[in-house]
Protein backbone atom coordinates (compact mmCIF):
# COMPACT_ATOMS: atom_id res chain seq x y z
CA UNK A 1 -4.85 32.03 3.04
CA UNK A 2 -4.95 32.27 -0.87
CA UNK A 3 -7.88 32.48 -3.47
CA UNK A 4 -6.98 28.95 -5.04
CA UNK A 5 -5.44 27.00 -1.82
CA UNK A 6 -5.90 27.02 2.05
CA UNK A 7 -3.25 25.64 4.32
CA UNK A 8 -4.44 23.85 7.24
CA UNK A 9 -2.07 23.73 10.08
CA UNK A 10 -1.20 20.84 12.63
CA UNK A 11 1.28 22.17 15.09
CA UNK A 12 1.55 18.82 17.13
CA UNK A 13 3.01 17.00 13.85
CA UNK A 14 4.67 20.11 12.50
CA UNK A 15 2.54 19.26 9.09
CA UNK A 16 0.23 21.01 6.64
CA UNK A 17 -2.67 19.80 4.72
CA UNK A 18 -3.72 21.75 1.78
CA UNK A 19 -7.18 22.14 0.19
CA UNK A 20 -6.70 23.19 -3.61
CA UNK A 21 -9.02 24.71 -6.13
CA UNK A 22 -9.96 22.50 -9.16
CA UNK A 23 -7.67 24.56 -11.48
CA UNK A 24 -4.70 23.63 -9.47
CA UNK A 25 -2.70 20.33 -10.27
CA UNK A 26 -2.26 17.44 -7.68
CA UNK A 27 -0.03 17.61 -4.97
CA UNK A 28 1.22 15.84 -1.73
CA UNK A 29 -0.88 16.08 1.32
CA UNK A 30 -3.40 17.79 -0.55
CA UNK A 31 -7.21 17.35 -1.59
CA UNK A 32 -8.46 19.20 -4.70
CA UNK A 33 -11.73 20.56 -4.71
CA UNK A 34 -14.85 21.17 -6.83
CA UNK A 35 -14.35 24.92 -6.25
CA UNK A 36 -12.77 27.80 -8.50
CA UNK A 37 -11.82 29.90 -5.18
CA UNK A 38 -11.36 28.74 -1.76
CA UNK A 39 -11.31 32.03 -0.05
CA UNK A 40 -15.01 33.04 0.30
CA UNK A 41 -15.80 29.68 2.13
CA UNK A 42 -12.77 29.33 4.80
CA UNK A 43 -11.55 31.42 7.40
CA UNK A 44 -8.18 31.51 9.43
CA UNK A 45 -8.37 29.91 12.59
CA UNK A 46 -11.46 27.63 12.25
CA UNK A 47 -11.48 24.25 14.09
CA UNK A 48 -10.70 21.25 11.69
CA UNK A 49 -11.86 17.79 12.26
CA UNK A 50 -10.58 14.66 10.20
CA UNK A 51 -13.14 11.47 9.92
CA UNK A 52 -12.49 8.15 8.00
CA UNK A 53 -15.30 9.49 5.47
CA UNK A 54 -14.41 13.43 5.17
CA UNK A 55 -13.22 16.66 6.71
CA UNK A 56 -15.12 19.00 9.44
CA UNK A 57 -14.11 22.52 9.07
CA UNK A 58 -15.48 25.10 11.62
CA UNK A 59 -19.52 24.80 12.18
CA UNK A 60 -20.85 24.76 8.69
CA UNK A 61 -18.62 22.78 6.35
CA UNK A 62 -18.16 19.33 5.73
CA UNK A 63 -15.58 17.82 2.78
CA UNK A 64 -17.05 14.28 1.45
CA UNK A 65 -14.14 12.28 0.64
CA UNK A 66 -16.15 8.88 0.29
CA UNK A 67 -16.08 9.70 -3.49
CA UNK A 68 -12.54 10.89 -3.90
CA UNK A 69 -10.23 9.62 -6.00
CA UNK A 70 -6.64 9.13 -4.71
CA UNK A 71 -3.75 10.63 -7.02
CA UNK A 72 -0.67 7.97 -6.85
CA UNK A 73 1.94 8.90 -9.49
CA UNK A 74 4.18 5.99 -10.81
CA UNK A 75 7.49 5.69 -8.90
CA UNK A 76 10.33 7.66 -10.99
CA UNK A 77 13.32 5.48 -11.46
CA UNK A 78 16.70 5.68 -13.61
CA UNK A 79 18.91 2.81 -14.45
CA UNK A 80 22.46 3.32 -15.76
CA UNK A 81 21.29 2.80 -19.65
CA UNK A 82 18.68 5.54 -18.96
CA UNK A 83 21.46 7.69 -17.77
CA UNK A 84 23.32 6.94 -20.30
CA UNK A 85 20.69 7.75 -23.15
CA UNK A 86 19.19 10.81 -21.60
CA UNK A 87 20.50 13.99 -23.01
CA UNK A 88 20.61 15.94 -19.85
CA UNK A 89 22.59 18.92 -20.92
CA UNK A 90 19.89 19.56 -23.57
CA UNK A 91 17.06 19.41 -21.28
CA UNK A 92 18.96 21.77 -18.77
CA UNK A 93 19.48 24.36 -21.66
CA UNK A 94 15.64 24.30 -22.30
CA UNK A 95 14.85 25.13 -18.72
CA UNK A 96 17.73 27.65 -18.59
CA UNK A 97 16.23 29.60 -21.57
CA UNK A 98 12.85 29.44 -20.10
CA UNK A 99 13.91 31.00 -16.60
CA UNK A 100 16.51 33.34 -17.73
CA UNK A 101 14.10 35.93 -18.14
CA UNK A 102 11.34 34.59 -15.63
CA UNK A 103 10.25 36.07 -12.08
CA UNK A 104 12.80 34.09 -10.56
CA UNK A 105 14.92 35.80 -7.91
CA UNK A 106 17.94 34.32 -9.60
CA UNK A 107 17.84 36.29 -12.82
CA UNK A 108 16.64 39.50 -10.93
CA UNK A 109 17.13 42.35 -13.31
CA UNK A 110 15.54 45.78 -11.77
CA UNK A 111 17.19 48.40 -9.84
CA UNK A 112 16.24 47.32 -6.67
CA UNK A 113 19.69 47.34 -4.25
CA UNK A 114 18.08 44.81 -1.91
CA UNK A 115 16.82 42.52 -4.18
CA UNK A 116 19.95 42.72 -6.26
CA UNK A 117 22.10 41.67 -3.53
CA UNK A 118 19.58 38.82 -2.65
CA UNK A 119 20.15 37.76 -6.36
CA UNK A 120 23.83 37.95 -5.91
CA UNK A 121 23.83 35.56 -2.86
CA UNK A 122 21.29 33.02 -4.54
CA UNK A 123 23.84 32.88 -7.55
CA UNK A 124 27.11 32.87 -5.27
CA UNK A 125 25.77 29.78 -3.08
CA UNK A 126 24.08 27.98 -6.05
CA UNK A 127 27.40 27.62 -7.83
CA UNK A 128 29.43 26.59 -4.38
CA UNK A 129 26.67 24.13 -3.73
CA UNK A 130 27.13 22.52 -7.30
CA UNK A 131 30.98 22.41 -6.64
CA UNK A 132 30.89 20.94 -3.31
CA UNK A 133 28.32 18.20 -4.99
CA UNK A 134 30.85 17.70 -7.58
CA UNK A 135 33.51 16.88 -5.44
CA UNK A 136 31.68 15.20 -2.95
CA UNK A 137 32.70 17.42 -0.29
CA UNK A 138 29.82 17.22 2.67
CA UNK A 139 31.13 19.82 4.72
CA UNK A 140 30.40 22.57 1.77
CA UNK A 141 27.42 21.19 0.79
CA UNK A 142 26.07 21.78 4.47
CA UNK A 143 27.74 25.30 4.42
CA UNK A 144 25.77 26.03 1.08
CA UNK A 145 22.58 24.56 1.96
CA UNK A 146 22.48 26.17 5.34
CA UNK A 147 23.25 29.67 3.17
CA UNK A 148 20.40 28.98 1.04
CA UNK A 149 17.99 28.02 3.18
CA UNK A 150 15.41 30.96 3.93
CA UNK A 151 17.54 33.21 1.56
CA UNK A 152 14.35 35.11 -0.45
CA UNK A 153 11.28 36.57 0.44
CA UNK A 154 7.54 34.92 0.75
CA UNK A 155 6.18 31.53 2.49
CA UNK A 156 8.73 29.49 0.34
CA UNK A 157 11.67 31.59 -0.19
CA UNK A 158 14.03 31.27 -3.40
CA UNK A 159 16.63 29.42 -2.15
CA UNK A 160 14.49 26.90 -0.76
CA UNK A 161 12.54 26.59 -3.54
CA UNK A 162 15.97 25.94 -5.55
CA UNK A 163 16.76 23.34 -3.22
CA UNK A 164 13.60 21.94 -3.71
CA UNK A 165 14.01 21.34 -7.50
CA UNK A 166 17.80 20.29 -7.18
CA UNK A 167 16.42 17.41 -4.88
CA UNK A 168 13.41 16.31 -7.05
CA UNK A 169 16.12 15.46 -9.55
CA UNK A 170 18.93 14.08 -7.51
CA UNK A 171 17.07 11.97 -5.44
CA UNK A 172 15.10 10.02 -8.26
CA UNK A 173 15.76 6.23 -7.30
CA UNK A 174 19.03 5.07 -9.32
CA UNK A 175 20.67 8.52 -9.55
CA UNK A 176 24.31 8.48 -8.94
CA UNK A 177 23.76 11.42 -6.44
CA UNK A 178 21.00 9.78 -4.55
CA UNK A 179 23.27 9.08 -1.36
CA UNK A 180 23.42 12.65 -0.76
CA UNK A 181 19.83 12.19 0.48
CA UNK A 182 20.58 11.42 3.77
CA UNK A 183 22.55 14.53 4.32
CA UNK A 184 20.14 16.64 2.70
CA UNK A 185 17.42 15.16 5.41
CA UNK A 186 20.12 16.09 8.30
CA UNK A 187 20.86 19.40 7.12
CA UNK A 188 17.26 20.28 7.08
CA UNK A 189 16.37 19.25 10.10
CA UNK A 190 19.03 20.96 12.00
CA UNK A 191 18.76 24.33 10.06
CA UNK A 192 14.74 24.24 9.95
CA UNK A 193 14.78 27.12 11.99
CA UNK A 194 16.06 29.24 8.95
CA UNK A 195 12.70 29.30 7.08
CA UNK A 196 8.95 28.82 6.90
CA UNK A 197 7.45 25.66 7.86
CA UNK A 198 5.40 25.71 4.78
CA UNK A 199 8.92 25.66 2.97
CA UNK A 200 10.60 22.84 5.19
CA UNK A 201 7.63 20.66 4.50
CA UNK A 202 8.13 21.42 0.58
CA UNK A 203 11.98 20.90 0.43
CA UNK A 204 11.28 17.57 3.08
CA UNK A 205 8.68 16.20 0.39
CA UNK A 206 10.72 16.99 -2.37
CA UNK A 207 13.57 15.15 -0.92
CA UNK A 208 11.52 12.16 -0.32
CA UNK A 209 10.33 12.62 -4.01
CA UNK A 210 6.92 13.85 -3.07
CA UNK A 211 6.12 16.80 -5.20
CA UNK A 212 3.40 18.89 -7.60
CA UNK A 213 1.80 16.46 -10.59
CA UNK A 214 3.30 19.17 -13.11
CA UNK A 215 6.43 18.46 -11.50
CA UNK A 216 6.46 14.45 -11.80
CA UNK A 217 5.07 14.66 -15.28
CA UNK A 218 7.96 16.82 -16.32
CA UNK A 219 10.52 14.56 -14.56
CA UNK A 220 8.55 11.59 -15.99
CA UNK A 221 8.61 12.85 -19.63
CA UNK A 222 12.28 13.43 -19.48
CA UNK A 223 13.50 9.67 -17.81
CA UNK A 224 11.27 8.29 -20.77
CA UNK A 225 12.89 10.29 -23.46
CA UNK A 226 9.82 11.90 -24.49
CA UNK A 227 11.36 15.60 -25.08
CA UNK A 228 8.64 17.13 -27.33
CA UNK A 229 5.95 18.08 -24.81
CA UNK A 230 8.40 19.30 -22.00
CA UNK A 231 7.88 22.78 -22.59
CA UNK A 232 4.23 22.86 -21.77
CA UNK A 233 5.28 21.03 -18.40
CA UNK A 234 7.62 23.63 -17.83
CA UNK A 235 5.39 26.08 -18.74
CA UNK A 236 2.79 24.86 -15.82
CA UNK A 237 5.64 24.70 -13.13
CA UNK A 238 6.23 28.24 -13.89
CA UNK A 239 2.94 28.80 -12.54
CA UNK A 240 3.34 27.49 -9.36
CA UNK A 241 3.57 30.52 -6.94
CA UNK A 242 4.63 33.69 -7.69
CA UNK A 243 8.18 32.72 -8.73
CA UNK A 244 8.65 29.24 -6.70
CA UNK A 245 8.17 27.33 -10.19
CA UNK A 246 10.86 29.31 -11.73
CA UNK A 247 13.11 28.98 -8.37
CA UNK A 248 12.36 25.19 -8.42
CA UNK A 249 13.55 24.79 -12.31
CA UNK A 250 16.60 26.66 -11.50
CA UNK A 251 17.64 23.51 -9.55
CA UNK A 252 16.40 21.10 -11.68
CA UNK A 253 18.29 22.62 -14.36
CA UNK A 254 21.44 22.36 -12.40
CA UNK A 255 20.58 18.76 -11.45
CA UNK A 256 20.25 17.65 -15.04
CA UNK A 257 23.49 19.29 -16.15
CA UNK A 258 25.24 17.68 -13.49
CA UNK A 259 23.74 14.44 -14.44
CA UNK A 260 25.80 14.07 -17.69
CA UNK A 261 27.55 10.78 -17.91
CA UNK A 262 30.24 12.29 -19.82
CA UNK A 263 32.86 12.70 -17.49
CA UNK A 264 32.29 16.49 -16.64
CA UNK A 265 30.78 16.10 -13.36
CA UNK A 266 31.76 13.80 -10.12
CA UNK A 267 27.96 13.32 -8.48
CA UNK A 268 28.51 9.86 -7.87
CA UNK A 269 31.33 10.43 -5.71
CA UNK A 270 31.50 9.93 -1.85
CA UNK A 271 31.78 12.49 0.58
CA UNK A 272 35.32 13.55 1.51
């Protein structure tokens, strides 16, 4: 339960539906409400019923969906020509400069020994996962994904957010690393008990190319070669959660760097 978002849990489907305040951007499995703050209106444990025209919550609330507008973003797509034309390395460097002094646990710089060790492990498994993807080593990819899942703190730990950011780029239709998608899905399904339900859903959606509007707009502008406004989209992504947006950006930066078509990577290899 947050002031700007309320998660509705469906145990049978192992799924969540989110009610968002008007200040939030659009997101999968969500509904934006004409409210600044959700906290005064919704309480944990209230019964929820979905109808064709709306949602009933508790005994005194009904959300009318009859006048809602459905958010349907354009599908992202890459072709070989665009992969050659996009300056992936520059975009990666812009992101890295933006997150290096942010709230990301990947770049923790205080004297808390617990968080220092967590940051060290995040960077270690991050580097090993990148190498495994470059070499097409499926066994190593699974090991490093497993190590990153649940690594961090909060409802969506940093390791999971990093994997979500990585997936958002690597599994764009037409990306040379897209064939790893089934492996990511398989590992997540088998190792989901390592992390939170919200984190599993967020990562699963990212693998399926469903993510927040701010992330979609950022990727859309990069793919279409429009670099001028991307800093403003990076700034919007950084606002997601306490550190989730920054951790996702770390994953996106690594994915962009691996997409360089100059022979410096091997993300198009099949697994050994």
